N, C-alpha and C. Protein backbone atom coordinates (compact mmCIF):
# COMPACT_ATOMS: atom_id res chain seq x y z
N MET A 1 -58.71 53.07 -29.78
CA MET A 1 -57.70 52.14 -29.32
C MET A 1 -58.18 50.70 -29.64
N SER A 2 -57.46 50.01 -30.41
CA SER A 2 -57.80 48.62 -30.74
C SER A 2 -57.23 47.64 -29.77
N THR A 3 -57.90 46.64 -29.52
CA THR A 3 -57.48 45.61 -28.58
C THR A 3 -57.08 44.34 -29.36
N LYS A 4 -56.00 43.75 -29.05
CA LYS A 4 -55.56 42.60 -29.72
C LYS A 4 -56.39 41.43 -29.19
N ILE A 5 -57.00 40.64 -30.08
CA ILE A 5 -57.85 39.52 -29.68
C ILE A 5 -56.88 38.29 -29.39
N ARG A 6 -57.02 37.75 -28.21
CA ARG A 6 -56.15 36.60 -27.84
C ARG A 6 -57.05 35.34 -27.95
N PRO A 7 -56.52 34.28 -28.54
CA PRO A 7 -57.29 33.11 -28.69
C PRO A 7 -57.43 32.44 -27.26
N LEU A 8 -58.53 31.71 -27.07
CA LEU A 8 -58.70 30.99 -25.90
C LEU A 8 -57.56 29.99 -25.60
N SER A 9 -57.06 29.44 -26.66
CA SER A 9 -55.96 28.39 -26.51
C SER A 9 -54.71 29.07 -25.85
N GLU A 10 -54.46 30.34 -26.17
CA GLU A 10 -53.34 31.02 -25.67
C GLU A 10 -53.50 31.25 -24.18
N LEU A 11 -54.73 31.77 -23.85
CA LEU A 11 -54.99 32.01 -22.47
C LEU A 11 -55.01 30.72 -21.61
N PHE A 12 -55.50 29.66 -22.21
CA PHE A 12 -55.64 28.33 -21.56
C PHE A 12 -54.16 27.88 -21.18
N LEU A 13 -53.28 27.98 -22.18
CA LEU A 13 -51.89 27.50 -21.81
C LEU A 13 -51.28 28.44 -20.89
N GLU A 14 -51.37 29.64 -20.92
CA GLU A 14 -50.66 30.58 -20.02
C GLU A 14 -51.26 30.47 -18.65
N ARG A 15 -52.56 30.49 -18.51
CA ARG A 15 -53.25 30.56 -17.16
C ARG A 15 -53.44 29.18 -16.54
N VAL A 16 -53.57 28.08 -17.34
CA VAL A 16 -53.93 26.84 -16.76
C VAL A 16 -52.73 25.78 -16.87
N VAL A 17 -52.43 25.44 -18.06
CA VAL A 17 -51.41 24.36 -18.21
C VAL A 17 -50.03 24.84 -17.75
N TRP A 18 -49.56 26.02 -18.07
CA TRP A 18 -48.32 26.45 -17.62
C TRP A 18 -48.25 27.14 -16.33
N SER A 19 -49.36 27.07 -15.54
CA SER A 19 -49.34 27.68 -14.25
C SER A 19 -48.34 26.99 -13.29
N GLU A 20 -47.81 27.71 -12.32
CA GLU A 20 -46.86 27.22 -11.44
C GLU A 20 -47.38 25.97 -10.66
N ALA A 21 -48.66 26.03 -10.32
CA ALA A 21 -49.17 24.88 -9.47
C ALA A 21 -49.29 23.68 -10.25
N VAL A 22 -49.56 23.72 -11.61
CA VAL A 22 -49.56 22.54 -12.41
C VAL A 22 -48.13 22.06 -12.71
N GLN A 23 -47.25 22.95 -13.05
CA GLN A 23 -45.93 22.53 -13.52
C GLN A 23 -45.04 22.06 -12.38
N ARG A 24 -45.35 22.41 -11.14
CA ARG A 24 -44.54 21.96 -10.01
C ARG A 24 -44.66 20.43 -9.95
N GLU A 25 -45.74 19.84 -10.39
CA GLU A 25 -45.99 18.35 -10.30
C GLU A 25 -45.34 17.61 -11.54
N ARG A 26 -44.94 18.42 -12.52
CA ARG A 26 -44.51 17.74 -13.78
C ARG A 26 -43.46 16.67 -13.63
N ALA A 27 -42.36 17.01 -12.97
CA ALA A 27 -41.23 15.99 -12.89
C ALA A 27 -41.68 14.71 -12.25
N GLN A 28 -42.45 14.77 -11.16
CA GLN A 28 -42.92 13.50 -10.59
C GLN A 28 -44.00 12.80 -11.42
N ALA A 29 -44.85 13.52 -12.02
CA ALA A 29 -45.97 12.90 -12.75
C ALA A 29 -45.61 12.27 -14.06
N ILE A 30 -44.59 12.80 -14.79
CA ILE A 30 -44.37 12.26 -16.11
C ILE A 30 -43.49 11.01 -16.15
N GLU A 31 -42.91 10.75 -15.04
CA GLU A 31 -42.14 9.43 -14.88
C GLU A 31 -42.98 8.39 -14.31
N ILE A 32 -43.03 7.24 -15.03
CA ILE A 32 -43.85 6.11 -14.45
C ILE A 32 -42.94 4.97 -14.23
N ASP A 33 -43.33 4.14 -13.23
CA ASP A 33 -42.65 2.94 -13.01
C ASP A 33 -42.97 1.84 -13.98
N VAL A 34 -41.85 1.18 -14.38
CA VAL A 34 -42.09 0.01 -15.27
C VAL A 34 -41.45 -1.21 -14.64
N ILE A 35 -42.28 -2.18 -14.43
CA ILE A 35 -41.84 -3.46 -13.79
C ILE A 35 -41.93 -4.53 -14.74
N GLU A 36 -40.83 -5.26 -14.97
CA GLU A 36 -40.78 -6.42 -15.87
C GLU A 36 -41.02 -7.62 -14.97
N VAL A 37 -42.02 -8.37 -15.40
CA VAL A 37 -42.21 -9.68 -14.64
C VAL A 37 -42.12 -10.82 -15.64
N ARG A 38 -41.27 -11.76 -15.22
CA ARG A 38 -41.07 -12.97 -16.03
C ARG A 38 -41.24 -14.18 -15.12
N ASN A 39 -42.12 -15.05 -15.50
CA ASN A 39 -42.44 -16.22 -14.78
C ASN A 39 -42.82 -15.92 -13.32
N GLY A 40 -43.55 -14.88 -13.16
CA GLY A 40 -44.00 -14.52 -11.83
C GLY A 40 -43.08 -13.78 -10.97
N THR A 41 -41.83 -13.49 -11.47
CA THR A 41 -40.83 -12.85 -10.67
C THR A 41 -40.55 -11.41 -11.23
N GLU A 42 -40.56 -10.52 -10.31
CA GLU A 42 -40.18 -9.13 -10.68
C GLU A 42 -38.69 -9.08 -10.98
N ARG A 43 -38.36 -8.60 -12.27
CA ARG A 43 -37.00 -8.58 -12.69
C ARG A 43 -36.35 -7.17 -12.65
N ARG A 44 -37.04 -6.18 -12.94
CA ARG A 44 -36.41 -4.87 -13.15
C ARG A 44 -37.43 -3.78 -12.84
N ARG A 45 -37.05 -2.78 -12.20
CA ARG A 45 -37.95 -1.67 -11.96
C ARG A 45 -37.20 -0.46 -12.45
N SER A 46 -37.85 0.29 -13.34
CA SER A 46 -37.20 1.51 -13.83
C SER A 46 -38.28 2.56 -14.05
N LYS A 47 -37.79 3.78 -14.31
CA LYS A 47 -38.68 4.88 -14.57
C LYS A 47 -38.54 5.23 -16.01
N VAL A 48 -39.66 5.49 -16.68
CA VAL A 48 -39.73 5.99 -18.07
C VAL A 48 -40.60 7.17 -18.15
N VAL A 49 -40.33 7.98 -19.11
CA VAL A 49 -41.16 9.15 -19.36
C VAL A 49 -42.33 8.81 -20.24
N ASP A 50 -43.54 9.10 -19.73
CA ASP A 50 -44.74 8.84 -20.47
C ASP A 50 -45.07 10.01 -21.38
N GLU A 51 -45.07 9.84 -22.60
CA GLU A 51 -45.25 10.87 -23.63
C GLU A 51 -46.69 11.49 -23.56
N GLU A 52 -47.63 10.73 -23.20
CA GLU A 52 -49.02 11.21 -23.06
C GLU A 52 -49.05 12.16 -21.92
N LEU A 53 -48.38 11.89 -20.83
CA LEU A 53 -48.33 12.83 -19.70
C LEU A 53 -47.62 14.11 -20.03
N VAL A 54 -46.55 14.00 -20.76
CA VAL A 54 -45.76 15.16 -21.18
C VAL A 54 -46.73 16.02 -22.06
N ALA A 55 -47.56 15.45 -22.92
CA ALA A 55 -48.51 16.26 -23.65
C ALA A 55 -49.54 17.03 -22.84
N PHE A 56 -49.85 16.46 -21.70
CA PHE A 56 -50.73 17.15 -20.81
C PHE A 56 -50.06 18.42 -20.19
N PHE A 57 -48.76 18.24 -19.79
CA PHE A 57 -48.05 19.35 -19.18
C PHE A 57 -47.58 20.39 -20.22
N GLU A 58 -47.48 20.02 -21.44
CA GLU A 58 -47.08 21.01 -22.50
C GLU A 58 -48.19 21.69 -23.17
N SER A 59 -49.31 20.91 -23.42
CA SER A 59 -50.37 21.54 -24.25
C SER A 59 -51.76 21.38 -23.71
N GLY A 60 -51.89 20.69 -22.55
CA GLY A 60 -53.18 20.55 -21.90
C GLY A 60 -54.03 19.39 -22.46
N ARG A 61 -53.36 18.50 -23.26
CA ARG A 61 -54.12 17.41 -23.75
C ARG A 61 -54.65 16.50 -22.71
N ILE A 62 -55.94 16.20 -22.79
CA ILE A 62 -56.65 15.39 -21.75
C ILE A 62 -56.17 13.94 -21.93
N LEU A 63 -55.77 13.33 -20.86
CA LEU A 63 -55.22 11.99 -20.89
C LEU A 63 -56.22 10.89 -21.37
N GLY A 64 -55.78 10.11 -22.20
CA GLY A 64 -56.63 8.97 -22.67
C GLY A 64 -57.62 9.35 -23.79
N THR A 65 -57.27 10.39 -24.49
CA THR A 65 -58.21 10.87 -25.60
C THR A 65 -57.63 10.59 -26.92
N THR A 66 -58.58 10.45 -27.84
CA THR A 66 -58.12 10.45 -29.32
C THR A 66 -57.85 11.88 -29.71
N THR A 67 -57.33 12.09 -30.85
CA THR A 67 -57.02 13.44 -31.31
C THR A 67 -58.27 14.23 -31.45
N THR A 68 -59.43 13.67 -31.69
CA THR A 68 -60.63 14.35 -31.90
C THR A 68 -61.13 15.06 -30.60
N ASN A 69 -60.96 14.42 -29.47
CA ASN A 69 -61.41 14.86 -28.26
C ASN A 69 -60.26 15.37 -27.37
N ALA A 70 -59.09 15.44 -27.81
CA ALA A 70 -57.95 15.71 -26.95
C ALA A 70 -57.95 16.95 -26.13
N PHE A 71 -58.66 18.01 -26.56
CA PHE A 71 -58.61 19.30 -25.85
C PHE A 71 -60.04 19.71 -25.46
N ARG A 72 -60.97 18.75 -25.18
CA ARG A 72 -62.31 19.10 -24.86
C ARG A 72 -62.45 19.49 -23.38
N TRP A 73 -61.99 20.66 -23.01
CA TRP A 73 -62.18 21.18 -21.66
C TRP A 73 -63.56 21.91 -21.70
N SER A 74 -64.45 21.51 -20.78
CA SER A 74 -65.81 22.05 -20.77
C SER A 74 -65.70 23.60 -20.51
N MET A 75 -66.59 24.33 -21.23
CA MET A 75 -66.76 25.79 -20.94
C MET A 75 -67.60 26.02 -19.75
N ASP A 76 -68.05 24.90 -19.11
CA ASP A 76 -68.82 25.04 -17.80
C ASP A 76 -67.79 24.58 -16.73
N ARG A 77 -67.36 25.52 -15.97
CA ARG A 77 -66.34 25.24 -14.97
C ARG A 77 -66.70 24.14 -13.96
N PHE A 78 -67.97 23.86 -13.84
CA PHE A 78 -68.33 22.75 -12.96
C PHE A 78 -68.50 21.38 -13.57
N ARG A 79 -68.09 21.27 -14.80
CA ARG A 79 -68.08 19.94 -15.44
C ARG A 79 -66.59 19.74 -15.87
N PRO A 80 -65.76 19.12 -15.07
CA PRO A 80 -64.37 18.93 -15.45
C PRO A 80 -64.29 17.84 -16.56
N PRO A 81 -63.18 17.85 -17.22
CA PRO A 81 -62.99 16.81 -18.28
C PRO A 81 -62.81 15.46 -17.67
N ARG A 82 -63.21 14.45 -18.31
CA ARG A 82 -63.02 13.11 -17.78
C ARG A 82 -61.71 12.55 -18.28
N LEU A 83 -60.80 12.10 -17.43
CA LEU A 83 -59.62 11.49 -17.85
C LEU A 83 -59.85 10.08 -18.47
N TYR A 84 -59.03 9.75 -19.53
CA TYR A 84 -59.15 8.55 -20.23
C TYR A 84 -60.54 8.18 -20.76
N PRO A 85 -61.30 9.12 -21.35
CA PRO A 85 -62.64 8.86 -21.79
C PRO A 85 -62.63 7.91 -22.95
N ASP A 86 -61.58 7.78 -23.77
CA ASP A 86 -61.65 6.94 -24.98
C ASP A 86 -61.01 5.64 -24.71
N VAL A 87 -60.36 5.36 -23.62
CA VAL A 87 -59.74 4.10 -23.36
C VAL A 87 -60.13 3.44 -22.06
N GLY A 88 -60.94 4.09 -21.27
CA GLY A 88 -61.40 3.49 -20.04
C GLY A 88 -60.52 4.00 -18.88
N PRO A 89 -60.97 3.80 -17.71
CA PRO A 89 -60.28 4.42 -16.50
C PRO A 89 -58.93 3.84 -16.26
N ARG A 90 -58.07 4.58 -15.76
CA ARG A 90 -56.66 4.17 -15.44
C ARG A 90 -56.31 4.73 -14.02
N GLN A 91 -55.43 4.09 -13.39
CA GLN A 91 -54.96 4.57 -12.12
C GLN A 91 -53.93 5.70 -12.38
N ILE A 92 -54.02 6.82 -11.63
CA ILE A 92 -53.14 7.94 -11.84
C ILE A 92 -52.36 8.21 -10.52
N SER A 93 -51.16 8.76 -10.68
CA SER A 93 -50.27 8.96 -9.57
C SER A 93 -50.79 10.21 -8.71
N PRO A 94 -50.33 10.24 -7.45
CA PRO A 94 -50.68 11.32 -6.64
C PRO A 94 -50.23 12.70 -7.19
N ALA A 95 -49.11 12.69 -7.85
CA ALA A 95 -48.57 13.96 -8.50
C ALA A 95 -49.45 14.32 -9.61
N LEU A 96 -49.94 13.43 -10.40
CA LEU A 96 -50.87 13.79 -11.55
C LEU A 96 -52.15 14.22 -10.98
N GLN A 97 -52.69 13.62 -9.92
CA GLN A 97 -53.88 14.02 -9.31
C GLN A 97 -53.81 15.41 -8.81
N ARG A 98 -52.64 15.79 -8.22
CA ARG A 98 -52.47 17.23 -7.77
C ARG A 98 -52.36 18.21 -8.93
N ALA A 99 -51.74 17.78 -10.01
CA ALA A 99 -51.52 18.57 -11.21
C ALA A 99 -52.97 18.81 -11.85
N MET A 100 -53.79 17.71 -11.95
CA MET A 100 -55.13 17.92 -12.57
C MET A 100 -55.98 18.79 -11.67
N ALA A 101 -55.89 18.64 -10.36
CA ALA A 101 -56.69 19.46 -9.38
C ALA A 101 -56.38 20.89 -9.59
N ALA A 102 -55.02 21.16 -9.69
CA ALA A 102 -54.53 22.57 -9.88
C ALA A 102 -55.09 23.11 -11.30
N ALA A 103 -54.93 22.28 -12.31
CA ALA A 103 -55.40 22.73 -13.63
C ALA A 103 -56.87 23.00 -13.69
N LEU A 104 -57.66 22.11 -13.05
CA LEU A 104 -59.08 22.40 -13.00
C LEU A 104 -59.47 23.58 -12.22
N GLU A 105 -58.75 23.84 -11.06
CA GLU A 105 -58.96 25.05 -10.35
C GLU A 105 -58.68 26.31 -11.18
N GLN A 106 -57.47 26.30 -11.83
CA GLN A 106 -57.17 27.40 -12.67
C GLN A 106 -58.16 27.64 -13.89
N TRP A 107 -58.57 26.50 -14.49
CA TRP A 107 -59.49 26.53 -15.57
C TRP A 107 -60.85 27.18 -15.10
N GLY A 108 -61.25 26.77 -13.95
CA GLY A 108 -62.56 27.33 -13.38
C GLY A 108 -62.44 28.78 -13.16
N LEU A 109 -61.26 29.24 -12.61
CA LEU A 109 -61.12 30.59 -12.48
C LEU A 109 -61.07 31.40 -13.75
N LEU A 110 -60.40 30.90 -14.68
CA LEU A 110 -60.27 31.59 -16.01
C LEU A 110 -61.70 31.69 -16.67
N ILE A 111 -62.43 30.62 -16.68
CA ILE A 111 -63.80 30.58 -17.23
C ILE A 111 -64.65 31.55 -16.45
N GLY A 112 -64.55 31.56 -15.20
CA GLY A 112 -65.36 32.52 -14.34
C GLY A 112 -65.06 33.96 -14.73
N GLU A 113 -63.79 34.26 -14.85
CA GLU A 113 -63.40 35.61 -15.19
C GLU A 113 -63.85 36.05 -16.60
N LEU A 114 -63.78 35.11 -17.47
CA LEU A 114 -64.23 35.34 -18.90
C LEU A 114 -65.69 35.58 -18.99
N ARG A 115 -66.43 34.77 -18.25
CA ARG A 115 -67.90 34.90 -18.20
C ARG A 115 -68.27 36.14 -17.55
N GLU A 116 -67.55 36.57 -16.57
CA GLU A 116 -67.93 37.77 -15.84
C GLU A 116 -67.74 39.10 -16.65
N ASP A 117 -66.72 39.14 -17.41
CA ASP A 117 -66.36 40.29 -18.24
C ASP A 117 -66.58 40.07 -19.71
N ASN A 118 -67.03 38.84 -20.04
CA ASN A 118 -67.23 38.41 -21.47
C ASN A 118 -65.94 38.52 -22.28
N GLY A 119 -64.79 38.49 -21.63
CA GLY A 119 -63.51 38.56 -22.34
C GLY A 119 -63.04 39.89 -22.85
N SER A 120 -63.95 40.86 -22.68
CA SER A 120 -63.74 42.15 -23.28
C SER A 120 -62.46 42.90 -22.71
N GLN A 121 -62.21 42.70 -21.44
CA GLN A 121 -60.99 43.28 -20.88
C GLN A 121 -59.74 42.52 -21.20
N ARG A 122 -59.89 41.29 -21.63
CA ARG A 122 -58.74 40.60 -22.01
C ARG A 122 -58.48 40.62 -23.58
N GLY A 123 -59.34 41.33 -24.28
CA GLY A 123 -59.28 41.41 -25.65
C GLY A 123 -59.55 40.03 -26.32
N MET A 124 -60.55 39.34 -25.81
CA MET A 124 -60.81 38.03 -26.32
C MET A 124 -62.38 37.95 -26.51
N ALA A 125 -62.79 37.38 -27.57
CA ALA A 125 -64.21 37.16 -27.80
C ALA A 125 -64.59 35.85 -27.07
N PHE A 126 -65.67 35.87 -26.29
CA PHE A 126 -66.09 34.73 -25.50
C PHE A 126 -67.55 34.54 -25.82
N PRO A 127 -68.05 33.38 -26.20
CA PRO A 127 -69.37 33.21 -26.57
C PRO A 127 -70.37 33.50 -25.53
N ARG A 128 -71.36 34.30 -25.81
CA ARG A 128 -72.51 34.51 -24.87
C ARG A 128 -73.39 33.33 -24.79
N VAL A 129 -73.81 32.98 -23.57
CA VAL A 129 -74.64 31.82 -23.47
C VAL A 129 -76.03 32.35 -23.04
N ALA A 130 -77.00 32.09 -23.86
CA ALA A 130 -78.40 32.52 -23.52
C ALA A 130 -79.04 31.49 -22.65
N GLY A 131 -79.60 31.99 -21.51
CA GLY A 131 -80.33 31.15 -20.65
C GLY A 131 -79.39 30.20 -19.87
N GLY A 132 -78.17 30.35 -19.88
CA GLY A 132 -77.22 29.48 -19.10
C GLY A 132 -76.87 28.22 -19.84
N THR A 133 -77.38 28.01 -21.09
CA THR A 133 -77.06 26.81 -21.77
C THR A 133 -76.51 27.21 -23.22
N ARG A 134 -75.81 26.25 -23.77
CA ARG A 134 -75.24 26.54 -25.10
C ARG A 134 -75.71 25.34 -25.94
N SER A 135 -76.00 25.77 -27.17
CA SER A 135 -76.42 24.69 -28.05
C SER A 135 -75.20 23.90 -28.54
N ARG A 136 -75.42 22.72 -29.09
CA ARG A 136 -74.30 21.87 -29.55
C ARG A 136 -73.55 22.60 -30.64
N ARG A 137 -74.18 23.40 -31.40
CA ARG A 137 -73.60 24.10 -32.58
C ARG A 137 -72.56 25.07 -32.04
N SER A 138 -72.73 25.71 -30.82
CA SER A 138 -71.81 26.74 -30.41
C SER A 138 -70.86 26.17 -29.41
N SER A 139 -70.66 24.90 -29.27
CA SER A 139 -69.72 24.41 -28.21
C SER A 139 -68.28 24.72 -28.69
N CYS A 140 -67.42 24.90 -27.72
CA CYS A 140 -66.03 25.40 -27.99
C CYS A 140 -65.10 24.30 -27.49
N SER A 141 -63.88 24.37 -27.95
CA SER A 141 -62.77 23.64 -27.37
C SER A 141 -61.69 24.67 -27.22
N VAL A 142 -60.65 24.32 -26.42
CA VAL A 142 -59.61 25.44 -26.21
C VAL A 142 -58.84 25.60 -27.45
N THR A 143 -59.01 24.89 -28.52
CA THR A 143 -58.29 25.19 -29.65
C THR A 143 -59.06 26.01 -30.73
N ASP A 144 -60.32 26.44 -30.31
CA ASP A 144 -61.13 27.25 -31.19
C ASP A 144 -60.45 28.61 -31.38
């Protein structure tokens, strides 16, 4: 019996990004307040959709990253990705904080399950880590 190998990116989207816990925060998180200030006076307050936030909720792109580092979720569940690593820290909304916390929890669970069974039950190859560390050469991203 052959097993279909599923890429990590597919599992990542299914189990982490598109999880109910993450997606329930989407509507509140992707709209940001825009305040126009002229001559020290607040003129208009409106909501706009932030495309970078949409990319997180659709594909798991880490906020504030260049395309090179956009999907660098650590294979070590105890090292969460840093938000805005390429542009410096930013304030994030409570809804986005909840979504990130849920995504990190789901990611940790997925990585733990894959390490436990080495992906064999899911039909997915998962790199073995000798001695609990991985060389730079074998590092993975969720798009591998």
